Amino acid sequence: MAKSDAKKLMGKMTAPGTSGFGNSDVAVVDRKEQRKRDQALGLVPFAVKLNSGLVQQLQTLAKERELDLNQLVAELLNKGLSA
C-alpha cells in the first residue's frame, strides 16, 4: 500500500502539466501551443533514425556547448551542407 502511494506521489511530481514541488513559477506550455510557437519560428519536425553511438556523441557535444540538441544538430547540418 505504501509503495503504491509513493508511486502516485512520484507521478504527481513529474507529471506533465503540473507545477511539481517548488516549481510553481515555471510556465507549462501544452503541445498545441508549442507547435504554434515552432511554426511561427519556421521550425518543422524532422525525424531520423541514427546509430546510438552517434546520438550519444551529439548529446555529449550539446552538453559541452550548453546547447539544445535541436540547435546543435541544426548547426552541424548547416556546416555540413555549406562545405
Protein backbone atom coordinates (compact mmCIF):
# COMPACT_ATOMS: atom_id res chain seq x y z
CA MET A 1 0.00 0.00 0.00
CA ALA A 2 2.76 2.43 0.94
CA LYS A 3 4.62 1.51 -2.22
CA SER A 4 1.67 2.41 -4.44
CA ASP A 5 1.16 5.68 -2.54
CA ALA A 6 4.82 6.52 -3.15
CA LYS A 7 4.42 5.80 -6.86
CA LYS A 8 1.38 8.08 -7.04
CA LEU A 9 3.31 10.83 -5.30
CA MET A 10 6.28 10.44 -7.64
CA GLY A 11 3.93 10.53 -10.62
CA LYS A 12 2.44 13.80 -9.42
CA MET A 13 5.90 15.30 -9.02
CA THR A 14 6.88 14.62 -12.63
CA ALA A 15 3.52 14.58 -14.42
CA PRO A 16 3.35 16.89 -17.42
CA GLY A 17 1.11 19.88 -16.93
CA THR A 18 1.71 20.07 -13.21
CA SER A 19 3.93 22.54 -11.48
CA GLY A 20 5.55 19.98 -9.18
CA PHE A 21 7.11 20.81 -5.85
CA GLY A 22 8.67 24.24 -5.70
CA ASN A 23 8.34 24.88 -9.41
CA SER A 24 5.07 26.82 -9.42
CA ASP A 25 6.67 29.78 -11.21
CA VAL A 26 7.59 27.69 -14.29
CA ALA A 27 5.07 28.13 -17.10
CA VAL A 28 3.96 24.88 -18.70
CA VAL A 29 3.20 25.05 -22.42
CA ASP A 30 0.88 22.46 -23.90
CA ARG A 31 1.82 20.65 -27.09
CA LYS A 32 -0.61 22.58 -29.27
CA GLU A 33 0.80 25.90 -28.09
CA GLN A 34 4.37 24.64 -28.57
CA ARG A 35 3.57 23.59 -32.16
CA LYS A 36 2.20 27.07 -32.85
CA ARG A 37 5.37 28.64 -31.45
CA ASP A 38 7.57 26.32 -33.51
CA GLN A 39 5.61 27.08 -36.69
CA ALA A 40 5.93 30.81 -36.08
CA LEU A 41 9.70 30.32 -35.90
CA GLY A 42 9.65 28.31 -39.14
CA LEU A 43 10.56 25.06 -37.38
CA VAL A 44 9.44 21.76 -38.89
CA PRO A 45 9.60 18.37 -37.14
CA PHE A 46 12.15 16.15 -38.88
CA ALA A 47 12.57 12.63 -37.53
CA VAL A 48 15.58 10.49 -38.43
CA LYS A 49 16.98 7.22 -37.17
CA LEU A 50 20.59 7.40 -36.08
CA ASN A 51 23.13 4.98 -34.67
CA SER A 52 23.04 5.08 -30.84
CA GLY A 53 26.76 5.88 -30.70
CA LEU A 54 26.24 8.94 -32.87
CA VAL A 55 23.32 10.08 -30.73
CA GLN A 56 25.47 9.78 -27.61
CA GLN A 57 28.18 11.89 -29.27
CA LEU A 58 25.61 14.52 -30.20
CA GLN A 59 24.18 14.59 -26.67
CA THR A 60 27.64 14.90 -25.15
CA LEU A 61 28.60 17.70 -27.53
CA ALA A 62 25.33 19.52 -26.82
CA LYS A 63 26.03 19.35 -23.07
CA GLU A 64 29.60 20.58 -23.55
CA ARG A 65 28.47 23.54 -25.64
CA GLU A 66 25.43 24.13 -23.40
CA LEU A 67 23.11 23.98 -26.43
CA ASP A 68 19.77 22.38 -27.03
CA LEU A 69 20.13 19.18 -29.07
CA ASN A 70 17.97 20.70 -31.83
CA GLN A 71 20.24 23.74 -32.03
CA LEU A 72 23.37 21.60 -32.21
CA VAL A 73 22.01 19.36 -34.96
CA ALA A 74 20.87 22.39 -36.99
CA GLU A 75 24.32 23.96 -36.61
CA LEU A 76 26.11 20.78 -37.67
CA LEU A 77 23.79 20.26 -40.65
CA ASN A 78 24.30 23.85 -41.80
CA LYS A 79 28.09 23.44 -41.60
CA GLY A 80 27.95 20.12 -43.44
CA LEU A 81 25.70 21.41 -46.20
CA SER A 82 27.70 24.58 -46.77
CA ALA A 83 31.01 22.72 -47.05
